[in-house]
Amino acid sequence: MFSHLFQVRITDVELPNVVHIFSQLSAASNLHIHGFDEKKIDTHVGYCNHLLSAARVHVEAAEREEQQVRQRQELARQVALAKEYE
């Protein structure tokens, strides 16, 4: 099972790719070579950029959560070692 942080980071990596693809489609729509609706494509670009901005908050929260989990695990490990040496 993937960690929450991993899943959020994957999204954070993939969204710029989506923005790039829609931006390329928007640029190509000016040439009328693919038949897509330029306005709809531009709407998708804006929406993906919005998602990307929102994802940053989730990445930061997931990183903090992951750090707290690591700290708790390390503390538990140290307590277990201390008990072992008593």
PDB file of N, CA and C in Angstrom:
ATOM      1  N   MET A   1       0.852  -1.182   0.000  1.00  0.00           N
ATOM      2  CA  MET A   1       0.000   0.000   0.000  1.00  0.00           C
ATOM      3  C   MET A   1       0.894   1.239   0.000  1.00  0.00           C
ATOM      4  N   PHE A   2       0.575   2.184  -0.827  1.00  0.00           N
ATOM      5  CA  PHE A   2       1.363   3.404  -0.910  1.00  0.00           C
ATOM      6  C   PHE A   2       0.997   4.344   0.221  1.00  0.00           C
ATOM      7  N   SER A   3       1.994   5.084   0.707  1.00  0.00           N
ATOM      8  CA  SER A   3       1.727   6.065   1.754  1.00  0.00           C
ATOM      9  C   SER A   3       0.947   7.241   1.176  1.00  0.00           C
ATOM     10  N   HIS A   4       0.294   7.943   2.065  1.00  0.00           N
ATOM     11  CA  HIS A   4      -0.476   9.124   1.659  1.00  0.00           C
ATOM     12  C   HIS A   4       0.454  10.139   1.000  1.00  0.00           C
ATOM     13  N   LEU A   5       1.632  10.323   1.587  1.00  0.00           N
ATOM     14  CA  LEU A   5       2.597  11.274   1.032  1.00  0.00           C
ATOM     15  C   LEU A   5       2.982  10.882  -0.388  1.00  0.00           C
ATOM     16  N   PHE A   6       3.233   9.603  -0.623  1.00  0.00           N
ATOM     17  CA  PHE A   6       3.600   9.135  -1.957  1.00  0.00           C
ATOM     18  C   PHE A   6       2.491   9.443  -2.962  1.00  0.00           C
ATOM     19  N   GLN A   7       1.251   9.162  -2.576  1.00  0.00           N
ATOM     20  CA  GLN A   7       0.123   9.405  -3.474  1.00  0.00           C
ATOM     21  C   GLN A   7      -0.035  10.889  -3.783  1.00  0.00           C
ATOM     22  N   VAL A   8       0.147  11.733  -2.771  1.00  0.00           N
ATOM     23  CA  VAL A   8       0.027  13.180  -2.977  1.00  0.00           C
ATOM     24  C   VAL A   8       1.155  13.675  -3.871  1.00  0.00           C
ATOM     25  N   ARG A   9       2.361  13.152  -3.664  1.00  0.00           N
ATOM     26  CA  ARG A   9       3.497  13.579  -4.499  1.00  0.00           C
ATOM     27  C   ARG A   9       3.313  13.163  -5.951  1.00  0.00           C
ATOM     28  N   ILE A  10       2.769  11.986  -6.183  1.00  0.00           N
ATOM     29  CA  ILE A  10       2.508  11.543  -7.557  1.00  0.00           C
ATOM     30  C   ILE A  10       1.558  12.518  -8.235  1.00  0.00           C
ATOM     31  N   THR A  11       0.514  12.905  -7.524  1.00  0.00           N
ATOM     32  CA  THR A  11      -0.438  13.880  -8.067  1.00  0.00           C
ATOM     33  C   THR A  11       0.259  15.194  -8.358  1.00  0.00           C
ATOM     34  N   ASP A  12       1.124  15.614  -7.443  1.00  0.00           N
ATOM     35  CA  ASP A  12       1.845  16.871  -7.604  1.00  0.00           C
ATOM     36  C   ASP A  12       2.775  16.820  -8.815  1.00  0.00           C
ATOM     37  N   VAL A  13       3.284  15.651  -9.131  1.00  0.00           N
ATOM     38  CA  VAL A  13       4.160  15.488 -10.294  1.00  0.00           C
ATOM     39  C   VAL A  13       3.344  15.421 -11.586  1.00  0.00           C
ATOM     40  N   GLU A  14       2.207  14.748 -11.547  1.00  0.00           N
ATOM     41  CA  GLU A  14       1.411  14.537 -12.755  1.00  0.00           C
ATOM     42  C   GLU A  14       0.629  15.771 -13.194  1.00  0.00           C
ATOM     43  N   LEU A  15       0.184  16.595 -12.256  1.00  0.00           N
ATOM     44  CA  LEU A  15      -0.615  17.762 -12.640  1.00  0.00           C
ATOM     45  C   LEU A  15       0.123  18.711 -13.581  1.00  0.00           C
ATOM     46  N   PRO A  16       1.407  19.008 -13.360  1.00  0.00           N
ATOM     47  CA  PRO A  16       2.094  19.862 -14.343  1.00  0.00           C
ATOM     48  C   PRO A  16       2.118  19.242 -15.738  1.00  0.00           C
ATOM     49  N   ASN A  17       2.193  17.913 -15.811  1.00  0.00           N
ATOM     50  CA  ASN A  17       2.138  17.246 -17.116  1.00  0.00           C
ATOM     51  C   ASN A  17       0.791  17.475 -17.785  1.00  0.00           C
ATOM     52  N   VAL A  18      -0.271  17.392 -16.999  1.00  0.00           N
ATOM     53  CA  VAL A  18      -1.618  17.622 -17.530  1.00  0.00           C
ATOM     54  C   VAL A  18      -1.749  19.057 -18.022  1.00  0.00           C
ATOM     55  N   VAL A  19      -1.258  20.000 -17.215  1.00  0.00           N
ATOM     56  CA  VAL A  19      -1.306  21.414 -17.608  1.00  0.00           C
ATOM     57  C   VAL A  19      -0.549  21.609 -18.917  1.00  0.00           C
ATOM     58  N   HIS A  20       0.614  20.986 -19.025  1.00  0.00           N
ATOM     59  CA  HIS A  20       1.427  21.106 -20.237  1.00  0.00           C
ATOM     60  C   HIS A  20       0.673  20.564 -21.457  1.00  0.00           C
ATOM     61  N   ILE A  21       0.050  19.409 -21.301  1.00  0.00           N
ATOM     62  CA  ILE A  21      -0.682  18.804 -22.424  1.00  0.00           C
ATOM     63  C   ILE A  21      -1.836  19.694 -22.864  1.00  0.00           C
ATOM     64  N   PHE A  22      -2.635  20.174 -21.897  1.00  0.00           N
ATOM     65  CA  PHE A  22      -3.755  21.043 -22.259  1.00  0.00           C
ATOM     66  C   PHE A  22      -3.263  22.361 -22.847  1.00  0.00           C
ATOM     67  N   SER A  23      -2.142  22.864 -22.351  1.00  0.00           N
ATOM     68  CA  SER A  23      -1.586  24.099 -22.918  1.00  0.00           C
ATOM     69  C   SER A  23      -1.161  23.885 -24.363  1.00  0.00           C
ATOM     70  N   GLN A  24      -0.561  22.730 -24.632  1.00  0.00           N
ATOM     71  CA  GLN A  24      -0.168  22.408 -26.002  1.00  0.00           C
ATOM     72  C   GLN A  24      -1.400  22.278 -26.901  1.00  0.00           C
ATOM     73  N   LEU A  25      -2.442  21.643 -26.377  1.00  0.00           N
ATOM     74  CA  LEU A  25      -3.684  21.531 -27.151  1.00  0.00           C
ATOM     75  C   LEU A  25      -4.283  22.904 -27.426  1.00  0.00           C
ATOM     76  N   SER A  26      -4.203  23.774 -26.428  1.00  0.00           N
ATOM     77  CA  SER A  26      -4.734  25.127 -26.602  1.00  0.00           C
ATOM     78  C   SER A  26      -3.964  25.863 -27.688  1.00  0.00           C
ATOM     79  N   ALA A  27      -2.644  25.734 -27.660  1.00  0.00           N
ATOM     80  CA  ALA A  27      -1.824  26.385 -28.682  1.00  0.00           C
ATOM     81  C   ALA A  27      -2.134  25.806 -30.063  1.00  0.00           C
ATOM     82  N   ALA A  28      -2.309  24.497 -30.122  1.00  0.00           N
ATOM     83  CA  ALA A  28      -2.615  23.857 -31.406  1.00  0.00           C
ATOM     84  C   ALA A  28      -4.014  24.214 -31.889  1.00  0.00           C
ATOM     85  N   SER A  29      -4.918  24.500 -30.949  1.00  0.00           N
ATOM     86  CA  SER A  29      -6.287  24.825 -31.366  1.00  0.00           C
ATOM     87  C   SER A  29      -6.324  26.141 -32.135  1.00  0.00           C
ATOM     88  N   ASN A  30      -5.331  26.985 -31.888  1.00  0.00           N
ATOM     89  CA  ASN A  30      -5.240  28.221 -32.664  1.00  0.00           C
ATOM     90  C   ASN A  30      -4.991  27.918 -34.137  1.00  0.00           C
ATOM     91  N   LEU A  31      -4.409  26.769 -34.386  1.00  0.00           N
ATOM     92  CA  LEU A  31      -4.122  26.363 -35.761  1.00  0.00           C
ATOM     93  C   LEU A  31      -5.268  25.554 -36.362  1.00  0.00           C
ATOM     94  N   HIS A  32      -6.251  25.215 -35.533  1.00  0.00           N
ATOM     95  CA  HIS A  32      -7.423  24.437 -35.961  1.00  0.00           C
ATOM     96  C   HIS A  32      -7.022  23.112 -36.618  1.00  0.00           C
ATOM     97  N   ILE A  33      -6.058  22.433 -36.002  1.00  0.00           N
ATOM     98  CA  ILE A  33      -5.609  21.177 -36.602  1.00  0.00           C
ATOM     99  C   ILE A  33      -6.194  19.939 -35.936  1.00  0.00           C
ATOM    100  N   HIS A  34      -6.830  20.080 -34.782  1.00  0.00           N
ATOM    101  CA  HIS A  34      -7.326  18.889 -34.109  1.00  0.00           C
ATOM    102  C   HIS A  34      -8.821  18.925 -33.814  1.00  0.00           C
ATOM    103  N   GLY A  35      -9.464  20.042 -33.986  1.00  0.00           N
ATOM    104  CA  GLY A  35     -10.904  20.117 -33.809  1.00  0.00           C
ATOM    105  C   GLY A  35     -11.390  20.282 -32.384  1.00  0.00           C
ATOM    106  N   PHE A  36     -10.484  20.487 -31.410  1.00  0.00           N
ATOM    107  CA  PHE A  36     -10.910  20.697 -30.036  1.00  0.00           C
ATOM    108  C   PHE A  36     -11.370  22.128 -29.833  1.00  0.00           C
ATOM    109  N   ASP A  37     -12.243  22.310 -28.865  1.00  0.00           N
ATOM    110  CA  ASP A  37     -12.766  23.628 -28.528  1.00  0.00           C
ATOM    111  C   ASP A  37     -11.734  24.366 -27.668  1.00  0.00           C
ATOM    112  N   GLU A  38     -11.195  25.453 -28.196  1.00  0.00           N
ATOM    113  CA  GLU A  38     -10.138  26.198 -27.502  1.00  0.00           C
ATOM    114  C   GLU A  38     -10.600  26.695 -26.136  1.00  0.00           C
ATOM    115  N   LYS A  39     -11.829  27.161 -26.040  1.00  0.00           N
ATOM    116  CA  LYS A  39     -12.334  27.684 -24.771  1.00  0.00           C
ATOM    117  C   LYS A  39     -12.381  26.578 -23.709  1.00  0.00           C
ATOM    118  N   LYS A  40     -12.828  25.392 -24.093  1.00  0.00           N
ATOM    119  CA  LYS A  40     -12.876  24.273 -23.149  1.00  0.00           C
ATOM    120  C   LYS A  40     -11.473  23.862 -22.715  1.00  0.00           C
ATOM    121  N   ILE A  41     -10.558  23.857 -23.655  1.00  0.00           N
ATOM    122  CA  ILE A  41      -9.177  23.502 -23.325  1.00  0.00           C
ATOM    123  C   ILE A  41      -8.602  24.520 -22.351  1.00  0.00           C
ATOM    124  N   ASP A  42      -8.823  25.804 -22.617  1.00  0.00           N
ATOM    125  CA  ASP A  42      -8.331  26.845 -21.714  1.00  0.00           C
ATOM    126  C   ASP A  42      -8.949  26.703 -20.324  1.00  0.00           C
ATOM    127  N   THR A  43     -10.218  26.307 -20.274  1.00  0.00           N
ATOM    128  CA  THR A  43     -10.875  26.067 -18.985  1.00  0.00           C
ATOM    129  C   THR A  43     -10.179  24.932 -18.246  1.00  0.00           C
ATOM    130  N   HIS A  44      -9.827  23.869 -18.961  1.00  0.00           N
ATOM    131  CA  HIS A  44      -9.115  22.745 -18.347  1.00  0.00           C
ATOM    132  C   HIS A  44      -7.737  23.172 -17.848  1.00  0.00           C
ATOM    133  N   VAL A  45      -7.046  23.994 -18.606  1.00  0.00           N
ATOM    134  CA  VAL A  45      -5.730  24.489 -18.178  1.00  0.00           C
ATOM    135  C   VAL A  45      -5.881  25.254 -16.870  1.00  0.00           C
ATOM    136  N   GLY A  46      -6.856  26.146 -16.815  1.00  0.00           N
ATOM    137  CA  GLY A  46      -7.084  26.917 -15.593  1.00  0.00           C
ATOM    138  C   GLY A  46      -7.438  26.036 -14.413  1.00  0.00           C
ATOM    139  N   TYR A  47      -8.294  25.050 -14.656  1.00  0.00           N
ATOM    140  CA  TYR A  47      -8.706  24.142 -13.587  1.00  0.00           C
ATOM    141  C   TYR A  47      -7.524  23.316 -13.088  1.00  0.00           C
ATOM    142  N   CYS A  48      -6.708  22.813 -13.999  1.00  0.00           N
ATOM    143  CA  CYS A  48      -5.540  22.021 -13.600  1.00  0.00           C
ATOM    144  C   CYS A  48      -4.531  22.877 -12.839  1.00  0.00           C
ATOM    145  N   ASN A  49      -4.358  24.119 -13.250  1.00  0.00           N
ATOM    146  CA  ASN A  49      -3.478  25.018 -12.502  1.00  0.00           C
ATOM    147  C   ASN A  49      -4.017  25.250 -11.098  1.00  0.00           C
ATOM    148  N   HIS A  50      -5.336  25.387 -10.983  1.00  0.00           N
ATOM    149  CA  HIS A  50      -5.959  25.537  -9.663  1.00  0.00           C
ATOM    150  C   HIS A  50      -5.705  24.290  -8.814  1.00  0.00           C
ATOM    151  N   LEU A  51      -5.888  23.107  -9.400  1.00  0.00           N
ATOM    152  CA  LEU A  51      -5.636  21.862  -8.676  1.00  0.00           C
ATOM    153  C   LEU A  51      -4.183  21.758  -8.237  1.00  0.00           C
ATOM    154  N   LEU A  52      -3.287  22.197  -9.096  1.00  0.00           N
ATOM    155  CA  LEU A  52      -1.870  22.153  -8.771  1.00  0.00           C
ATOM    156  C   LEU A  52      -1.562  23.040  -7.571  1.00  0.00           C
ATOM    157  N   SER A  53      -2.133  24.227  -7.550  1.00  0.00           N
ATOM    158  CA  SER A  53      -1.939  25.124  -6.405  1.00  0.00           C
ATOM    159  C   SER A  53      -2.505  24.503  -5.133  1.00  0.00           C
ATOM    160  N   ALA A  54      -3.684  23.919  -5.235  1.00  0.00           N
ATOM    161  CA  ALA A  54      -4.305  23.286  -4.074  1.00  0.00           C
ATOM    162  C   ALA A  54      -3.510  22.064  -3.622  1.00  0.00           C
ATOM    163  N   ALA A  55      -2.911  21.357  -4.552  1.00  0.00           N
ATOM    164  CA  ALA A  55      -2.140  20.160  -4.217  1.00  0.00           C
ATOM    165  C   ALA A  55      -0.918  20.501  -3.381  1.00  0.00           C
ATOM    166  N   ARG A  56      -0.346  21.667  -3.577  1.00  0.00           N
ATOM    167  CA  ARG A  56       0.831  22.072  -2.805  1.00  0.00           C
ATOM    168  C   ARG A  56       0.527  22.043  -1.301  1.00  0.00           C
ATOM    169  N   VAL A  57      -0.647  22.512  -0.932  1.00  0.00           N
ATOM    170  CA  VAL A  57      -1.050  22.509   0.476  1.00  0.00           C
ATOM    171  C   VAL A  57      -1.106  21.076   0.995  1.00  0.00           C
ATOM    172  N   HIS A  58      -1.641  20.175   0.180  1.00  0.00           N
ATOM    173  CA  HIS A  58      -1.761  18.781   0.593  1.00  0.00           C
ATOM    174  C   HIS A  58      -0.400  18.092   0.664  1.00  0.00           C
ATOM    175  N   VAL A  59       0.501  18.448  -0.230  1.00  0.00           N
ATOM    176  CA  VAL A  59       1.858  17.887  -0.185  1.00  0.00           C
ATOM    177  C   VAL A  59       2.529  18.292   1.118  1.00  0.00           C
ATOM    178  N   GLU A  60       2.435  19.567   1.458  1.00  0.00           N
ATOM    179  CA  GLU A  60       3.055  20.047   2.695  1.00  0.00           C
ATOM    180  C   GLU A  60       2.451  19.363   3.917  1.00  0.00           C
ATOM    181  N   ALA A  61       1.134  19.208   3.939  1.00  0.00           N
ATOM    182  CA  ALA A  61       0.471  18.542   5.065  1.00  0.00           C
ATOM    183  C   ALA A  61       0.884  17.074   5.148  1.00  0.00           C
ATOM    184  N   ALA A  62       0.959  16.407   4.012  1.00  0.00           N
ATOM    185  CA  ALA A  62       1.358  14.995   3.988  1.00  0.00           C
ATOM    186  C   ALA A  62       2.813  14.840   4.422  1.00  0.00           C
ATOM    187  N   GLU A  63       3.670  15.780   4.044  1.00  0.00           N
ATOM    188  CA  GLU A  63       5.070  15.727   4.471  1.00  0.00           C
ATOM    189  C   GLU A  63       5.178  15.891   5.981  1.00  0.00           C
ATOM    190  N   ARG A  64       4.399  16.824   6.552  1.00  0.00           N
ATOM    191  CA  ARG A  64       4.404  17.002   8.012  1.00  0.00           C
ATOM    192  C   ARG A  64       3.900  15.739   8.709  1.00  0.00           C
ATOM    193  N   GLU A  65       2.839  15.161   8.164  1.00  0.00           N
ATOM    194  CA  GLU A  65       2.279  13.938   8.738  1.00  0.00           C
ATOM    195  C   GLU A  65       3.295  12.801   8.691  1.00  0.00           C
ATOM    196  N   GLU A  66       3.956  12.655   7.563  1.00  0.00           N
ATOM    197  CA  GLU A  66       4.965  11.601   7.400  1.00  0.00           C
ATOM    198  C   GLU A  66       6.128  11.809   8.376  1.00  0.00           C
ATOM    199  N   GLN A  67       6.540  13.049   8.564  1.00  0.00           N
ATOM    200  CA  GLN A  67       7.618  13.363   9.502  1.00  0.00           C
ATOM    201  C   GLN A  67       7.203  13.004  10.927  1.00  0.00           C
ATOM    202  N   GLN A  68       5.971  13.313  11.297  1.00  0.00           N
ATOM    203  CA  GLN A  68       5.480  12.978  12.634  1.00  0.00           C
ATOM    204  C   GLN A  68       5.442  11.470  12.843  1.00  0.00           C
ATOM    205  N   VAL A  69       5.038  10.732  11.829  1.00  0.00           N
ATOM    206  CA  VAL A  69       5.016   9.269  11.919  1.00  0.00           C
ATOM    207  C   VAL A  69       6.433   8.745  12.129  1.00  0.00           C
ATOM    208  N   ARG A  70       7.380   9.274  11.367  1.00  0.00           N
ATOM    209  CA  ARG A  70       8.779   8.836  11.521  1.00  0.00           C
ATOM    210  C   ARG A  70       9.302   9.143  12.920  1.00  0.00           C
ATOM    211  N   GLN A  71       8.965  10.330  13.438  1.00  0.00           N
ATOM    212  CA  GLN A  71       9.417  10.705  14.777  1.00  0.00           C
ATOM    213  C   GLN A  71       8.826   9.774  15.830  1.00  0.00           C
ATOM    214  N   ARG A  72       7.536   9.446  15.700  1.00  0.00           N
ATOM    215  CA  ARG A  72       6.905   8.526  16.658  1.00  0.00           C
ATOM    216  C   ARG A  72       7.531   7.133  16.566  1.00  0.00           C
ATOM    217  N   GLN A  73       7.818   6.684  15.350  1.00  0.00           N
ATOM    218  CA  GLN A  73       8.439   5.373  15.178  1.00  0.00           C
ATOM    219  C   GLN A  73       9.833   5.349  15.795  1.00  0.00           C
ATOM    220  N   GLU A  74      10.582   6.417  15.595  1.00  0.00           N
ATOM    221  CA  GLU A  74      11.930   6.492  16.161  1.00  0.00           C
ATOM    222  C   GLU A  74      11.872   6.520  17.687  1.00  0.00           C
ATOM    223  N   LEU A  75      10.934   7.270  18.244  1.00  0.00           N
ATOM    224  CA  LEU A  75      10.775   7.320  19.693  1.00  0.00           C
ATOM    225  C   LEU A  75      10.410   5.942  20.238  1.00  0.00           C
ATOM    226  N   ALA A  76       9.496   5.258  19.569  1.00  0.00           N
ATOM    227  CA  ALA A  76       9.102   3.911  19.996  1.00  0.00           C
ATOM    228  C   ALA A  76      10.291   2.958  19.919  1.00  0.00           C
ATOM    229  N   ARG A  77      11.098   3.099  18.893  1.00  0.00           N
ATOM    230  CA  ARG A  77      12.293   2.251  18.752  1.00  0.00           C
ATOM    231  C   ARG A  77      13.270   2.504  19.886  1.00  0.00           C
ATOM    232  N   GLN A  78      13.476   3.779  20.214  1.00  0.00           N
ATOM    233  CA  GLN A  78      14.400   4.129  21.292  1.00  0.00           C
ATOM    234  C   GLN A  78      13.892   3.640  22.647  1.00  0.00           C
ATOM    235  N   VAL A  79      12.592   3.747  22.883  1.00  0.00           N
ATOM    236  CA  VAL A  79      12.006   3.254  24.132  1.00  0.00           C
ATOM    237  C   VAL A  79      12.178   1.741  24.223  1.00  0.00           C
ATOM    238  N   ALA A  80      11.948   1.044  23.122  1.00  0.00           N
ATOM    239  CA  ALA A  80      12.105  -0.412  23.104  1.00  0.00           C
ATOM    240  C   ALA A  80      13.552  -0.798  23.382  1.00  0.00           C
ATOM    241  N   LEU A  81      14.495  -0.068  22.806  1.00  0.00           N
ATOM    242  CA  LEU A  81      15.912  -0.345  23.061  1.00  0.00           C
ATOM    243  C   LEU A  81      16.269  -0.080  24.513  1.00  0.00           C
ATOM    244  N   ALA A  82      15.749   1.003  25.064  1.00  0.00           N
ATOM    245  CA  ALA A  82      16.030   1.342  26.460  1.00  0.00           C
ATOM    246  C   ALA A  82      15.490   0.254  27.390  1.00  0.00           C
ATOM    247  N   LYS A  83      14.292  -0.251  27.107  1.00  0.00           N
ATOM    248  CA  LYS A  83      13.712  -1.316  27.928  1.00  0.00           C
ATOM    249  C   LYS A  83      14.519  -2.597  27.800  1.00  0.00           C
ATOM    250  N   GLU A  84      15.043  -2.830  26.607  1.00  0.00           N
ATOM    251  CA  GLU A  84      15.836  -4.034  26.357  1.00  0.00           C
ATOM    252  C   GLU A  84      17.117  -4.027  27.188  1.00  0.00           C
ATOM    253  N   TYR A  85      17.697  -2.851  27.398  1.00  0.00           N
ATOM    254  CA  TYR A  85      18.957  -2.742  28.131  1.00  0.00           C
ATOM    255  C   TYR A  85      18.757  -2.585  29.629  1.00  0.00           C
ATOM    256  N   GLU A  86      17.523  -2.547  30.116  1.00  0.00           N
ATOM    257  CA  GLU A  86      17.270  -2.426  31.561  1.00  0.00           C
ATOM    258  C   GLU A  86      17.536  -3.710  32.271  1.00  0.00           C
TER     259      GLU A  86
END
